[in-house]
Amino acid sequence: MSHARSEYEDFKKIAPDVFDVVLALGQLATKAGLDKQLIELVKLRASQINGCAFCVQHHVLLSERIGVPVDKLHLVAVWREAPIFSARERAALAWAEALTLLPDGVSDEVYSEASREFSESELTYLTSAIASINVWNRFGAAYRWTPAQRPVTANAAAL
């Protein structure tokens, strides 16, 4: 069994400036008007790919709190095979996977699909949300932050 090397709360104390910058980056997409439920699905999928238990649990709990349908939470790992996701959600999830798995590159097909569903501005902000969750995943996985066992608090809600 793995153990935490440090915790999320430690990160806020050790490097508050880094914490604040990553937090702010993650909030820009919803401030720009992108749907919070869509952003949470994208963050959950990237966190699954990156193996960050803290972030997976965090985004499941937060998604539940903001009303993401439970079926979507259960099926996000296999979204391609699940007809419950809209074309916009599929484009966002494909974009998230491409940007999270960068050695595979971002294909023209994935870019075209994302560009059909999102304006240039929306795609830029969606990219910022994906970039931010990938940063959080690096910290959470590296330090093995302990996943929450209770509802997300207001302080942690913006990851």
N, C-alpha and C. Protein backbone atom coordinates (compact mmCIF):
# COMPACT_ATOMS: atom_id res chain seq x y z
N MET A 1 0.85 -1.19 0.00
CA MET A 1 0.00 0.00 0.00
C MET A 1 0.89 1.24 0.00
N SER A 2 0.55 2.18 -0.85
CA SER A 2 1.35 3.41 -0.89
C SER A 2 0.91 4.35 0.23
N HIS A 3 1.80 5.21 0.57
CA HIS A 3 1.51 6.18 1.63
C HIS A 3 1.78 7.59 1.09
N ALA A 4 1.10 8.53 1.67
CA ALA A 4 1.29 9.92 1.24
C ALA A 4 2.70 10.38 1.59
N ARG A 5 3.31 11.07 0.66
CA ARG A 5 4.62 11.67 0.89
C ARG A 5 4.45 13.06 1.49
N SER A 6 3.35 13.69 1.16
CA SER A 6 2.87 14.94 1.75
C SER A 6 1.41 15.02 1.36
N GLU A 7 0.73 16.04 1.82
CA GLU A 7 -0.70 16.15 1.54
C GLU A 7 -1.02 17.47 0.83
N TYR A 8 -2.21 17.52 0.27
CA TYR A 8 -2.71 18.70 -0.43
C TYR A 8 -2.59 19.94 0.45
N GLU A 9 -2.98 19.84 1.69
CA GLU A 9 -2.91 20.98 2.61
C GLU A 9 -1.46 21.43 2.83
N ASP A 10 -0.52 20.48 2.81
CA ASP A 10 0.90 20.83 2.94
C ASP A 10 1.35 21.68 1.75
N PHE A 11 0.89 21.31 0.56
CA PHE A 11 1.26 22.03 -0.65
C PHE A 11 0.87 23.50 -0.54
N LYS A 12 -0.33 23.76 -0.04
CA LYS A 12 -0.79 25.15 0.12
C LYS A 12 0.12 25.93 1.06
N LYS A 13 0.65 25.27 2.08
CA LYS A 13 1.52 25.94 3.05
C LYS A 13 2.95 26.09 2.53
N ILE A 14 3.44 25.08 1.85
CA ILE A 14 4.83 25.06 1.38
C ILE A 14 5.05 26.04 0.22
N ALA A 15 4.11 26.06 -0.71
CA ALA A 15 4.28 26.89 -1.91
C ALA A 15 2.97 27.61 -2.24
N PRO A 16 2.55 28.54 -1.40
CA PRO A 16 1.26 29.21 -1.63
C PRO A 16 1.19 29.95 -2.96
N ASP A 17 2.31 30.46 -3.43
CA ASP A 17 2.29 31.16 -4.71
C ASP A 17 2.04 30.20 -5.87
N VAL A 18 2.67 29.04 -5.84
CA VAL A 18 2.44 28.03 -6.87
C VAL A 18 0.99 27.55 -6.79
N PHE A 19 0.54 27.27 -5.59
CA PHE A 19 -0.83 26.84 -5.37
C PHE A 19 -1.81 27.84 -5.98
N ASP A 20 -1.63 29.12 -5.69
CA ASP A 20 -2.55 30.16 -6.17
C ASP A 20 -2.55 30.25 -7.70
N VAL A 21 -1.38 30.13 -8.32
CA VAL A 21 -1.29 30.23 -9.77
C VAL A 21 -1.99 29.05 -10.45
N VAL A 22 -1.74 27.84 -9.96
CA VAL A 22 -2.37 26.66 -10.55
C VAL A 22 -3.88 26.71 -10.31
N LEU A 23 -4.29 27.11 -9.14
CA LEU A 23 -5.71 27.25 -8.81
C LEU A 23 -6.37 28.25 -9.76
N ALA A 24 -5.74 29.40 -9.95
CA ALA A 24 -6.30 30.43 -10.84
C ALA A 24 -6.41 29.93 -12.27
N LEU A 25 -5.40 29.23 -12.76
CA LEU A 25 -5.44 28.68 -14.11
C LEU A 25 -6.63 27.75 -14.26
N GLY A 26 -6.88 26.92 -13.27
CA GLY A 26 -7.98 25.97 -13.32
C GLY A 26 -9.35 26.61 -13.29
N GLN A 27 -9.45 27.82 -12.82
CA GLN A 27 -10.74 28.51 -12.70
C GLN A 27 -11.09 29.33 -13.94
N LEU A 28 -10.14 29.58 -14.81
CA LEU A 28 -10.37 30.46 -15.96
C LEU A 28 -11.43 29.95 -16.93
N ALA A 29 -11.48 28.66 -17.16
CA ALA A 29 -12.43 28.12 -18.15
C ALA A 29 -13.87 28.37 -17.74
N THR A 30 -14.20 28.14 -16.49
CA THR A 30 -15.58 28.39 -16.07
C THR A 30 -15.86 29.88 -15.95
N LYS A 31 -14.87 30.67 -15.58
CA LYS A 31 -15.05 32.12 -15.56
C LYS A 31 -15.31 32.65 -16.96
N ALA A 32 -14.76 31.97 -17.97
CA ALA A 32 -14.96 32.37 -19.37
C ALA A 32 -16.29 31.85 -19.92
N GLY A 33 -17.03 31.10 -19.12
CA GLY A 33 -18.36 30.66 -19.52
C GLY A 33 -18.51 29.21 -19.92
N LEU A 34 -17.43 28.44 -19.87
CA LEU A 34 -17.57 27.01 -20.19
C LEU A 34 -18.34 26.31 -19.06
N ASP A 35 -19.12 25.33 -19.44
CA ASP A 35 -19.97 24.60 -18.51
C ASP A 35 -19.15 23.87 -17.44
N LYS A 36 -19.49 24.11 -16.19
CA LYS A 36 -18.75 23.52 -15.06
C LYS A 36 -18.82 21.98 -15.09
N GLN A 37 -19.97 21.42 -15.46
CA GLN A 37 -20.07 19.95 -15.51
C GLN A 37 -19.14 19.38 -16.58
N LEU A 38 -19.07 20.03 -17.72
CA LEU A 38 -18.17 19.61 -18.79
C LEU A 38 -16.72 19.66 -18.31
N ILE A 39 -16.36 20.74 -17.66
CA ILE A 39 -14.99 20.89 -17.16
C ILE A 39 -14.66 19.80 -16.14
N GLU A 40 -15.62 19.47 -15.29
CA GLU A 40 -15.37 18.42 -14.30
C GLU A 40 -15.18 17.06 -14.96
N LEU A 41 -15.94 16.76 -16.00
CA LEU A 41 -15.74 15.49 -16.71
C LEU A 41 -14.34 15.42 -17.32
N VAL A 42 -13.90 16.52 -17.89
CA VAL A 42 -12.57 16.59 -18.50
C VAL A 42 -11.49 16.41 -17.42
N LYS A 43 -11.65 17.08 -16.30
CA LYS A 43 -10.67 16.96 -15.22
C LYS A 43 -10.65 15.55 -14.64
N LEU A 44 -11.82 14.95 -14.53
CA LEU A 44 -11.89 13.58 -14.04
C LEU A 44 -11.18 12.63 -14.99
N ARG A 45 -11.43 12.78 -16.29
CA ARG A 45 -10.80 11.88 -17.27
C ARG A 45 -9.28 12.02 -17.28
N ALA A 46 -8.78 13.24 -17.25
CA ALA A 46 -7.33 13.44 -17.22
C ALA A 46 -6.74 12.83 -15.94
N SER A 47 -7.42 13.00 -14.84
CA SER A 47 -6.94 12.46 -13.56
C SER A 47 -6.91 10.94 -13.58
N GLN A 48 -7.90 10.32 -14.24
CA GLN A 48 -7.89 8.86 -14.39
C GLN A 48 -6.66 8.42 -15.18
N ILE A 49 -6.42 9.08 -16.29
CA ILE A 49 -5.28 8.74 -17.14
C ILE A 49 -3.97 8.88 -16.38
N ASN A 50 -3.85 9.94 -15.60
CA ASN A 50 -2.61 10.23 -14.88
C ASN A 50 -2.47 9.43 -13.58
N GLY A 51 -3.49 8.71 -13.20
CA GLY A 51 -3.40 7.88 -12.00
C GLY A 51 -3.32 8.67 -10.71
N CYS A 52 -3.98 9.81 -10.65
CA CYS A 52 -3.97 10.63 -9.44
C CYS A 52 -5.23 10.32 -8.63
N ALA A 53 -5.09 9.47 -7.63
CA ALA A 53 -6.23 9.05 -6.81
C ALA A 53 -6.90 10.23 -6.12
N PHE A 54 -6.11 11.16 -5.61
CA PHE A 54 -6.66 12.34 -4.94
C PHE A 54 -7.56 13.11 -5.89
N CYS A 55 -7.05 13.39 -7.09
CA CYS A 55 -7.80 14.20 -8.05
C CYS A 55 -9.02 13.45 -8.60
N VAL A 56 -8.90 12.15 -8.81
CA VAL A 56 -10.07 11.37 -9.25
C VAL A 56 -11.17 11.50 -8.22
N GLN A 57 -10.85 11.23 -6.97
CA GLN A 57 -11.86 11.31 -5.91
C GLN A 57 -12.40 12.74 -5.77
N HIS A 58 -11.51 13.70 -5.81
CA HIS A 58 -11.92 15.11 -5.69
C HIS A 58 -12.94 15.47 -6.77
N HIS A 59 -12.65 15.10 -8.00
CA HIS A 59 -13.53 15.49 -9.11
C HIS A 59 -14.80 14.65 -9.17
N VAL A 60 -14.76 13.43 -8.67
CA VAL A 60 -16.00 12.66 -8.54
C VAL A 60 -16.91 13.34 -7.52
N LEU A 61 -16.36 13.65 -6.35
CA LEU A 61 -17.16 14.28 -5.30
C LEU A 61 -17.69 15.65 -5.73
N LEU A 62 -16.83 16.44 -6.35
CA LEU A 62 -17.26 17.76 -6.82
C LEU A 62 -18.32 17.63 -7.92
N SER A 63 -18.13 16.70 -8.83
CA SER A 63 -19.10 16.47 -9.90
C SER A 63 -20.46 16.07 -9.35
N GLU A 64 -20.46 15.21 -8.36
CA GLU A 64 -21.72 14.82 -7.71
C GLU A 64 -22.40 16.04 -7.11
N ARG A 65 -21.60 16.88 -6.46
CA ARG A 65 -22.15 18.06 -5.80
C ARG A 65 -22.78 19.05 -6.77
N ILE A 66 -22.24 19.15 -7.99
CA ILE A 66 -22.79 20.11 -8.96
C ILE A 66 -23.79 19.46 -9.91
N GLY A 67 -24.13 18.21 -9.68
CA GLY A 67 -25.20 17.57 -10.43
C GLY A 67 -24.83 16.83 -11.70
N VAL A 68 -23.57 16.47 -11.87
CA VAL A 68 -23.20 15.64 -13.02
C VAL A 68 -23.90 14.29 -12.83
N PRO A 69 -24.61 13.81 -13.84
CA PRO A 69 -25.29 12.52 -13.71
C PRO A 69 -24.32 11.39 -13.33
N VAL A 70 -24.73 10.58 -12.39
CA VAL A 70 -23.90 9.49 -11.89
C VAL A 70 -23.48 8.56 -13.03
N ASP A 71 -24.37 8.31 -13.98
CA ASP A 71 -24.02 7.44 -15.10
C ASP A 71 -22.81 7.97 -15.86
N LYS A 72 -22.73 9.28 -16.03
CA LYS A 72 -21.57 9.85 -16.72
C LYS A 72 -20.30 9.65 -15.91
N LEU A 73 -20.39 9.79 -14.60
CA LEU A 73 -19.21 9.58 -13.76
C LEU A 73 -18.73 8.13 -13.87
N HIS A 74 -19.66 7.21 -13.91
CA HIS A 74 -19.29 5.79 -14.01
C HIS A 74 -18.71 5.44 -15.38
N LEU A 75 -19.15 6.15 -16.40
CA LEU A 75 -18.78 5.79 -17.77
C LEU A 75 -17.71 6.67 -18.41
N VAL A 76 -17.24 7.69 -17.71
CA VAL A 76 -16.29 8.61 -18.32
C VAL A 76 -15.00 7.90 -18.76
N ALA A 77 -14.60 6.86 -18.07
CA ALA A 77 -13.38 6.13 -18.45
C ALA A 77 -13.55 5.41 -19.79
N VAL A 78 -14.80 5.13 -20.17
CA VAL A 78 -15.08 4.42 -21.42
C VAL A 78 -16.05 5.25 -22.27
N TRP A 79 -15.86 6.53 -22.29
CA TRP A 79 -16.79 7.45 -22.93
C TRP A 79 -17.03 7.15 -24.40
N ARG A 80 -16.05 6.63 -25.09
CA ARG A 80 -16.21 6.34 -26.52
C ARG A 80 -17.30 5.29 -26.77
N GLU A 81 -17.46 4.38 -25.83
CA GLU A 81 -18.43 3.29 -25.96
C GLU A 81 -19.78 3.62 -25.32
N ALA A 82 -19.91 4.79 -24.71
CA ALA A 82 -21.12 5.15 -23.97
C ALA A 82 -21.88 6.26 -24.68
N PRO A 83 -23.06 5.97 -25.20
CA PRO A 83 -23.82 6.97 -25.96
C PRO A 83 -24.40 8.11 -25.11
N ILE A 84 -24.21 8.06 -23.82
CA ILE A 84 -24.75 9.08 -22.92
C ILE A 84 -24.07 10.45 -23.09
N PHE A 85 -22.89 10.49 -23.68
CA PHE A 85 -22.13 11.73 -23.82
C PHE A 85 -22.51 12.46 -25.11
N SER A 86 -22.68 13.77 -25.00
CA SER A 86 -23.01 14.61 -26.16
C SER A 86 -21.79 14.76 -27.08
N ALA A 87 -22.04 15.28 -28.27
CA ALA A 87 -20.94 15.54 -29.21
C ALA A 87 -19.93 16.51 -28.60
N ARG A 88 -20.42 17.51 -27.91
CA ARG A 88 -19.54 18.50 -27.26
C ARG A 88 -18.70 17.84 -26.16
N GLU A 89 -19.33 17.01 -25.36
CA GLU A 89 -18.58 16.30 -24.30
C GLU A 89 -17.55 15.35 -24.91
N ARG A 90 -17.92 14.66 -25.98
CA ARG A 90 -16.99 13.75 -26.64
C ARG A 90 -15.78 14.51 -27.20
N ALA A 91 -16.04 15.65 -27.80
CA ALA A 91 -14.94 16.46 -28.33
C ALA A 91 -14.03 16.93 -27.19
N ALA A 92 -14.62 17.34 -26.09
CA ALA A 92 -13.83 17.81 -24.94
C ALA A 92 -13.02 16.67 -24.33
N LEU A 93 -13.63 15.50 -24.22
CA LEU A 93 -12.92 14.35 -23.65
C LEU A 93 -11.78 13.88 -24.57
N ALA A 94 -12.03 13.88 -25.87
CA ALA A 94 -10.96 13.52 -26.81
C ALA A 94 -9.83 14.53 -26.75
N TRP A 95 -10.17 15.81 -26.64
CA TRP A 95 -9.16 16.87 -26.53
C TRP A 95 -8.36 16.69 -25.25
N ALA A 96 -9.05 16.39 -24.14
CA ALA A 96 -8.37 16.17 -22.86
C ALA A 96 -7.41 14.99 -22.94
N GLU A 97 -7.85 13.92 -23.55
CA GLU A 97 -6.97 12.75 -23.68
C GLU A 97 -5.75 13.07 -24.54
N ALA A 98 -5.97 13.76 -25.65
CA ALA A 98 -4.85 14.10 -26.54
C ALA A 98 -3.83 14.99 -25.83
N LEU A 99 -4.30 15.95 -25.05
CA LEU A 99 -3.39 16.87 -24.35
C LEU A 99 -2.75 16.22 -23.12
N THR A 100 -3.39 15.21 -22.58
CA THR A 100 -2.83 14.50 -21.42
C THR A 100 -1.81 13.47 -21.87
N LEU A 101 -2.05 12.87 -23.01
CA LEU A 101 -1.15 11.85 -23.57
C LEU A 101 -0.32 12.45 -24.70
N LEU A 102 0.40 13.52 -24.40
CA LEU A 102 1.12 14.27 -25.44
C LEU A 102 2.10 13.46 -26.29
N PRO A 103 2.76 12.44 -25.76
CA PRO A 103 3.65 11.68 -26.66
C PRO A 103 2.91 11.09 -27.87
N ASP A 104 1.60 10.89 -27.72
CA ASP A 104 0.81 10.39 -28.85
C ASP A 104 0.46 11.50 -29.83
N GLY A 105 0.65 12.75 -29.40
CA GLY A 105 0.34 13.89 -30.25
C GLY A 105 -1.14 14.22 -30.29
N VAL A 106 -1.44 15.35 -30.87
CA VAL A 106 -2.82 15.79 -31.06
C VAL A 106 -3.11 15.69 -32.55
N SER A 107 -3.93 14.74 -32.89
CA SER A 107 -4.20 14.50 -34.32
C SER A 107 -5.04 15.62 -34.92
N ASP A 108 -4.98 15.73 -36.23
CA ASP A 108 -5.81 16.69 -36.95
C ASP A 108 -7.28 16.36 -36.74
N GLU A 109 -7.61 15.09 -36.67
CA GLU A 109 -9.00 14.66 -36.46
C GLU A 109 -9.53 15.15 -35.11
N VAL A 110 -8.75 14.97 -34.05
CA VAL A 110 -9.18 15.43 -32.72
C VAL A 110 -9.29 16.95 -32.69
N TYR A 111 -8.33 17.62 -33.31
CA TYR A 111 -8.38 19.09 -33.37
C TYR A 111 -9.61 19.56 -34.14
N SER A 112 -9.89 18.93 -35.27
CA SER A 112 -11.06 19.32 -36.08
C SER A 112 -12.36 19.11 -35.31
N GLU A 113 -12.46 17.97 -34.63
CA GLU A 113 -13.66 17.68 -33.84
C GLU A 113 -13.84 18.72 -32.74
N ALA A 114 -12.76 19.03 -32.04
CA ALA A 114 -12.83 20.03 -30.96
C ALA A 114 -13.18 21.40 -31.53
N SER A 115 -12.61 21.74 -32.67
CA SER A 115 -12.86 23.05 -33.30
C SER A 115 -14.30 23.19 -33.80
N ARG A 116 -14.92 22.06 -34.15
CA ARG A 116 -16.34 22.10 -34.56
C ARG A 116 -17.25 22.38 -33.37
N GLU A 117 -16.88 21.89 -32.21
CA GLU A 117 -17.73 21.99 -31.02
C GLU A 117 -17.46 23.22 -30.17
N PHE A 118 -16.26 23.78 -30.28
CA PHE A 118 -15.86 24.90 -29.43
C PHE A 118 -15.34 26.05 -30.27
N SER A 119 -15.67 27.26 -29.89
CA SER A 119 -15.10 28.43 -30.55
C SER A 119 -13.60 28.48 -30.24
N GLU A 120 -12.89 29.33 -30.95
CA GLU A 120 -11.45 29.47 -30.71
C GLU A 120 -11.17 29.85 -29.26
N SER A 121 -11.94 30.77 -28.73
CA SER A 121 -11.78 31.19 -27.33
C SER A 121 -12.12 30.05 -26.37
N GLU A 122 -13.24 29.38 -26.62
CA GLU A 122 -13.63 28.27 -25.74
C GLU A 122 -12.58 27.17 -25.73
N LEU A 123 -12.03 26.85 -26.91
CA LEU A 123 -11.02 25.80 -26.98
C LEU A 123 -9.76 26.21 -26.24
N THR A 124 -9.41 27.47 -26.30
CA THR A 124 -8.26 27.96 -25.55
C THR A 124 -8.49 27.82 -24.05
N TYR A 125 -9.67 28.20 -23.58
CA TYR A 125 -9.97 28.07 -22.15
C TYR A 125 -10.11 26.61 -21.73
N LEU A 126 -10.67 25.78 -22.59
CA LEU A 126 -10.73 24.35 -22.30
C LEU A 126 -9.31 23.80 -22.16
N THR A 127 -8.43 24.23 -23.04
CA THR A 127 -7.03 23.81 -22.97
C THR A 127 -6.40 24.25 -21.66
N SER A 128 -6.75 25.44 -21.19
CA SER A 128 -6.20 25.91 -19.91
C SER A 128 -6.69 25.03 -18.75
N ALA A 129 -7.94 24.58 -18.81
CA ALA A 129 -8.46 23.69 -17.76
C ALA A 129 -7.75 22.34 -17.78
N ILE A 130 -7.49 21.83 -18.98
CA ILE A 130 -6.78 20.56 -19.12
C ILE A 130 -5.33 20.71 -18.65
N ALA A 131 -4.71 21.83 -19.00
CA ALA A 131 -3.34 22.08 -18.53
C ALA A 131 -3.30 22.13 -17.01
N SER A 132 -4.28 22.80 -16.41
CA SER A 132 -4.27 22.94 -14.95
C SER A 132 -4.46 21.60 -14.26
N ILE A 133 -5.36 20.76 -14.75
CA ILE A 133 -5.57 19.47 -14.07
C ILE A 133 -4.34 18.59 -14.24
N ASN A 134 -3.68 18.70 -15.37
CA ASN A 134 -2.45 17.93 -15.53
C ASN A 134 -1.37 18.39 -14.56
N VAL A 135 -1.31 19.67 -14.26
CA VAL A 135 -0.38 20.17 -13.23
C VAL A 135 -0.78 19.61 -11.86
N TRP A 136 -2.07 19.73 -11.52
CA TRP A 136 -2.52 19.18 -10.23
C TRP A 136 -2.21 17.70 -10.12
N ASN A 137 -2.43 16.95 -11.22
CA ASN A 137 -2.16 15.51 -11.21
C ASN A 137 -0.69 15.22 -10.94
N ARG A 138 0.19 16.04 -11.46
CA ARG A 138 1.62 15.83 -11.22
C ARG A 138 1.95 15.97 -9.74
N PHE A 139 1.36 16.95 -9.10
CA PHE A 139 1.59 17.11 -7.66
C PHE A 139 0.92 15.98 -6.88
N GLY A 140 -0.34 15.72 -7.16
CA GLY A 140 -1.09 14.70 -6.41
C GLY A 140 -0.48 13.32 -6.54
N ALA A 141 -0.08 12.95 -7.75
CA ALA A 141 0.52 11.63 -7.96
C ALA A 141 1.93 11.55 -7.37
N ALA A 142 2.71 12.60 -7.57
CA ALA A 142 4.09 12.59 -7.06
C ALA A 142 4.14 12.49 -5.54
N TYR A 143 3.23 13.21 -4.88
CA TYR A 143 3.24 13.24 -3.43
C TYR A 143 2.22 12.28 -2.81
N ARG A 144 1.49 11.56 -3.68
CA ARG A 144 0.51 10.57 -3.24
C ARG A 144 -0.48 11.15 -2.24
N TRP A 145 -1.05 12.29 -2.61
CA TRP A 145 -2.04 12.90 -1.72
C TRP A 145 -3.15 11.91 -1.44
N THR A 146 -3.59 11.90 -0.21
CA THR A 146 -4.64 10.99 0.22
C THR A 146 -6.00 11.46 -0.32
N PRO A 147 -6.73 10.58 -1.00
CA PRO A 147 -8.06 10.96 -1.51
C PRO A 147 -9.02 11.26 -0.36
N ALA A 148 -9.88 12.22 -0.57
CA ALA A 148 -10.88 12.61 0.43
C ALA A 148 -11.88 11.48 0.62
N GLN A 149 -12.35 11.33 1.84
CA GLN A 149 -13.39 10.35 2.13
C GLN A 149 -14.69 11.04 2.51
N ARG A 150 -14.73 12.33 2.32
CA ARG A 150 -15.91 13.11 2.68
C ARG A 150 -16.20 14.11 1.57
N PRO A 151 -17.32 14.79 1.62
CA PRO A 151 -17.61 15.78 0.58
C PRO A 151 -16.51 16.83 0.49
N VAL A 152 -16.33 17.35 -0.71
CA VAL A 152 -15.33 18.38 -0.98
C VAL A 152 -15.71 19.64 -0.22
N THR A 153 -14.71 20.26 0.41
CA THR A 153 -14.94 21.51 1.11
C THR A 153 -14.84 22.69 0.14
N ALA A 154 -15.33 23.82 0.55
CA ALA A 154 -15.29 25.00 -0.31
C ALA A 154 -13.86 25.37 -0.68
N ASN A 155 -12.89 25.19 0.23
CA ASN A 155 -11.51 25.56 -0.02
C ASN A 155 -10.89 24.73 -1.14
N ALA A 156 -11.28 23.49 -1.26
CA ALA A 156 -10.67 22.61 -2.25
C ALA A 156 -11.49 22.52 -3.54
N ALA A 157 -12.61 23.18 -3.61
CA ALA A 157 -13.54 23.01 -4.71
C ALA A 157 -13.04 23.50 -6.07
N ALA A 158 -12.01 24.30 -6.11
CA ALA A 158 -11.60 24.91 -7.38
C ALA A 158 -10.44 24.22 -8.06
N LEU A 159 -9.95 23.14 -7.55
CA LEU A 159 -8.83 22.42 -8.16
C LEU A 159 -8.90 22.35 -9.66
